[in-house]
N, C-alpha and C. Protein backbone atom coordinates (compact mmCIF):
# COMPACT_ATOMS: atom_id res chain seq x y z
N MET A 1 0.72 7.87 -9.68
CA MET A 1 1.64 7.00 -9.91
C MET A 1 0.93 5.81 -8.90
N LEU A 2 1.08 4.61 -8.47
CA LEU A 2 0.48 3.54 -7.66
C LEU A 2 1.57 3.38 -6.81
N ALA A 3 2.16 3.63 -6.55
CA ALA A 3 3.82 3.92 -4.79
C ALA A 3 3.07 4.66 -4.11
N SER A 4 2.86 5.87 -5.06
CA SER A 4 2.12 7.13 -4.34
C SER A 4 1.10 7.16 -3.56
N GLU A 5 0.04 6.60 -4.31
CA GLU A 5 -1.14 6.59 -3.58
C GLU A 5 -1.00 5.14 -2.38
N VAL A 6 -0.08 3.96 -2.74
CA VAL A 6 -0.17 3.49 -1.87
C VAL A 6 0.58 3.87 -0.31
N ASP A 7 1.76 4.72 -0.52
CA ASP A 7 2.29 5.65 0.94
C ASP A 7 1.12 6.20 1.21
N GLU A 8 0.85 7.01 0.15
CA GLU A 8 0.13 8.21 1.17
C GLU A 8 -1.45 7.37 2.20
N ALA A 9 -1.25 6.14 1.50
CA ALA A 9 -2.85 5.63 2.12
C ALA A 9 -2.13 4.69 3.52
N ARG A 10 -0.61 4.36 3.45
CA ARG A 10 0.00 4.11 4.96
C ARG A 10 -0.01 5.38 5.84
N PHE A 11 0.13 6.75 5.06
CA PHE A 11 0.38 7.46 6.16
C PHE A 11 -0.66 7.96 6.50
N HIS A 12 -1.75 8.12 5.88
CA HIS A 12 -3.34 8.38 6.52
C HIS A 12 -3.58 7.54 7.86
N ALA A 13 -3.25 6.08 7.71
CA ALA A 13 -3.82 4.91 8.01
C ALA A 13 -2.71 4.84 9.72
N GLY A 14 -1.33 5.91 9.33
CA GLY A 14 -1.08 5.86 10.45
C GLY A 14 0.03 4.60 10.81
N VAL A 15 0.00 3.51 9.62
CA VAL A 15 0.97 2.38 9.79
C VAL A 15 2.60 2.55 9.59
N SER A 16 3.33 2.19 9.75
CA SER A 16 5.01 3.22 9.53
C SER A 16 4.98 2.08 8.42
N PHE A 17 6.84 1.85 7.90
CA PHE A 17 6.83 1.41 6.91
C PHE A 17 7.29 -0.27 7.03
N SER A 18 7.67 -0.29 8.69
CA SER A 18 7.99 -2.01 9.18
C SER A 18 7.16 -2.60 9.44
N GLU A 19 5.64 -1.44 9.59
CA GLU A 19 4.80 -2.45 10.42
C GLU A 19 3.80 -3.09 9.09
N LEU A 20 3.98 -2.34 8.09
CA LEU A 20 3.58 -2.79 6.63
C LEU A 20 3.98 -3.83 6.51
N SER A 21 4.97 -3.42 6.67
CA SER A 21 6.10 -4.88 5.84
C SER A 21 5.53 -5.75 6.28
N GLU A 22 5.82 -5.91 7.80
CA GLU A 22 5.69 -7.10 9.29
C GLU A 22 4.22 -7.57 8.62
N ARG A 23 3.36 -6.50 9.00
CA ARG A 23 2.28 -7.14 8.66
C ARG A 23 1.29 -7.79 7.08
N SER A 24 1.90 -7.23 5.79
CA SER A 24 1.64 -7.79 5.09
C SER A 24 2.13 -8.92 4.14
N GLY A 25 3.81 -8.75 5.39
CA GLY A 25 4.35 -10.31 4.98
C GLY A 25 5.31 -9.86 3.53
N ILE A 26 5.06 -8.65 3.46
CA ILE A 26 5.92 -8.02 1.89
C ILE A 26 7.38 -7.96 2.82
N GLY A 27 8.37 -8.63 2.44
CA GLY A 27 9.89 -7.75 3.15
C GLY A 27 10.21 -7.33 2.66
N PRO A 28 10.89 -6.12 3.68
CA PRO A 28 11.07 -4.66 3.74
C PRO A 28 11.79 -4.22 2.33
N ASP A 29 12.70 -5.00 1.78
CA ASP A 29 13.07 -4.78 0.28
C ASP A 29 12.57 -4.89 -0.21
N ALA A 30 11.29 -5.70 -0.24
CA ALA A 30 10.70 -5.73 -1.73
C ALA A 30 10.24 -5.14 -1.61
N LEU A 31 9.20 -4.21 -0.36
CA LEU A 31 8.33 -3.02 -0.21
C LEU A 31 8.73 -2.00 -0.33
N GLY A 32 10.11 -2.27 -0.40
CA GLY A 32 11.04 -0.48 -1.07
C GLY A 32 10.86 -0.75 -1.91
N ASN A 33 11.41 -1.85 -2.82
CA ASN A 33 11.06 -1.40 -4.34
C ASN A 33 10.07 -1.18 -4.93
N LEU A 34 8.73 -1.67 -4.35
CA LEU A 34 7.58 -1.28 -4.86
C LEU A 34 7.39 0.33 -4.72
N LEU A 35 7.43 1.16 -3.72
CA LEU A 35 6.87 1.95 -3.43
C LEU A 35 7.92 3.20 -3.79
N ASP A 36 9.34 2.66 -4.44
CA ASP A 36 10.33 3.05 -4.73
C ASP A 36 9.74 3.59 -6.39
N GLY A 37 8.97 2.32 -6.73
CA GLY A 37 9.12 2.03 -8.55
C GLY A 37 9.98 1.44 -8.75
N ILE A 38 10.27 0.55 -8.75
CA ILE A 38 11.46 -0.58 -9.11
C ILE A 38 10.27 -1.18 -9.52
N ASP A 39 10.38 -1.81 -8.50
CA ASP A 39 9.30 -3.17 -8.83
C ASP A 39 7.61 -2.89 -9.20
N ASP A 40 6.98 -3.43 -9.74
CA ASP A 40 5.09 -3.51 -10.04
C ASP A 40 4.68 -4.45 -8.51
N PHE A 41 3.95 -3.95 -8.36
CA PHE A 41 2.92 -4.12 -7.25
C PHE A 41 2.34 -5.31 -8.29
N THR A 42 1.83 -6.53 -7.61
CA THR A 42 1.26 -7.67 -7.82
C THR A 42 -0.48 -7.49 -7.29
N VAL A 43 -1.26 -7.86 -7.86
CA VAL A 43 -2.66 -7.88 -7.10
C VAL A 43 -2.61 -8.55 -5.53
N VAL A 44 -1.94 -9.14 -5.13
CA VAL A 44 -1.57 -9.99 -4.09
C VAL A 44 -1.17 -9.25 -3.44
N ASP A 45 -0.19 -8.04 -3.36
CA ASP A 45 0.63 -7.14 -2.82
C ASP A 45 -0.27 -6.41 -2.45
N LEU A 46 -1.46 -5.93 -3.35
CA LEU A 46 -2.39 -4.89 -3.56
C LEU A 46 -3.05 -5.24 -2.27
N ALA A 47 -3.57 -6.39 -2.45
CA ALA A 47 -4.91 -7.34 -1.62
C ALA A 47 -4.02 -7.10 -0.30
N ARG A 48 -3.16 -7.66 0.20
CA ARG A 48 -2.32 -7.87 1.72
C ARG A 48 -2.17 -6.13 1.94
N ILE A 49 -1.82 -5.33 0.84
CA ILE A 49 -1.50 -3.83 2.06
C ILE A 49 -3.05 -3.15 2.38
N ALA A 50 -3.82 -3.69 1.18
CA ALA A 50 -5.15 -2.99 1.98
C ALA A 50 -5.71 -3.38 3.05
N GLU A 51 -5.56 -5.23 3.19
CA GLU A 51 -6.26 -5.54 4.11
C GLU A 51 -5.41 -4.48 5.54
N VAL A 52 -4.37 -4.65 5.09
CA VAL A 52 -3.49 -3.65 6.59
C VAL A 52 -3.81 -2.30 6.75
N LEU A 53 -3.73 -2.09 6.00
CA LEU A 53 -4.33 -0.34 5.98
C LEU A 53 -6.08 -0.26 6.33
N GLY A 54 -6.27 -1.02 5.92
CA GLY A 54 -8.39 -0.70 6.51
C GLY A 54 -9.24 -0.21 5.36
N VAL A 55 -8.37 -0.43 4.17
CA VAL A 55 -9.19 0.08 2.89
C VAL A 55 -9.04 -1.02 2.09
N PRO A 56 -10.06 -0.33 1.08
CA PRO A 56 -10.54 -1.45 -0.38
C PRO A 56 -9.70 -1.24 -0.91
N VAL A 57 -9.20 -2.10 -1.80
CA VAL A 57 -7.90 -2.58 -2.58
C VAL A 57 -8.21 -0.97 -3.73
N THR A 58 -9.53 -0.59 -4.20
CA THR A 58 -9.90 0.37 -5.32
C THR A 58 -8.80 2.03 -4.88
N ALA A 59 -9.12 1.89 -2.90
CA ALA A 59 -8.92 2.89 -2.26
C ALA A 59 -7.21 3.03 -2.70
N LEU A 60 -6.18 1.98 -3.28
CA LEU A 60 -4.87 2.73 -3.59
C LEU A 60 -4.43 2.76 -5.08
N LEU A 61 -6.09 2.38 -5.83
CA LEU A 61 -5.30 3.00 -7.78
C LEU A 61 -5.62 4.53 -7.53
N PRO A 62 -4.72 4.87 -8.45
CA PRO A 62 -4.37 6.46 -8.88
C PRO A 62 -5.76 7.17 -9.39
N GLY A 63 -6.41 7.82 -9.10
CA GLY A 63 -7.67 8.53 -9.27
C GLY A 63 -9.24 8.25 -8.12
N ALA A 64 -8.79 7.31 -7.25
CA ALA A 64 -9.34 6.74 -6.92
C ALA A 64 -10.23 8.05 -5.75
N VAL A 65 -11.20 7.92 -5.79
CA VAL A 65 -12.03 9.02 -5.09
C VAL A 65 -12.06 8.42 -3.36
N PRO A 66 -12.01 8.96 -2.58
CA PRO A 66 -12.00 8.61 -0.97
C PRO A 66 -13.34 8.35 -0.53
N ASP A 67 -13.37 7.44 -0.05
CA ASP A 67 -14.43 6.92 0.78
C ASP A 67 -15.01 7.27 1.98
N ASP A 68 -16.02 8.35 2.43
CA ASP A 68 -15.54 8.97 3.41
C ASP A 68 -16.96 8.40 4.27
N SER A 69 -17.19 7.03 3.96
CA SER A 69 -18.36 6.58 4.62
C SER A 69 -17.83 6.10 6.22
């Protein structure tokens, strides 16, 4: 599930929910709905989240292989 991949990446980056919301420009209610699986992520959402977390967008996709480089 995409939401769990995003939440795991957030945890590994040490970024709080509120920090991710603020820095990505995705409001807390909207981000909560995304992470709870209520709403679907857009490509723009994923790009903003990836930028905040310092990972490529592909790292947020289910089944992605971690980039250890």
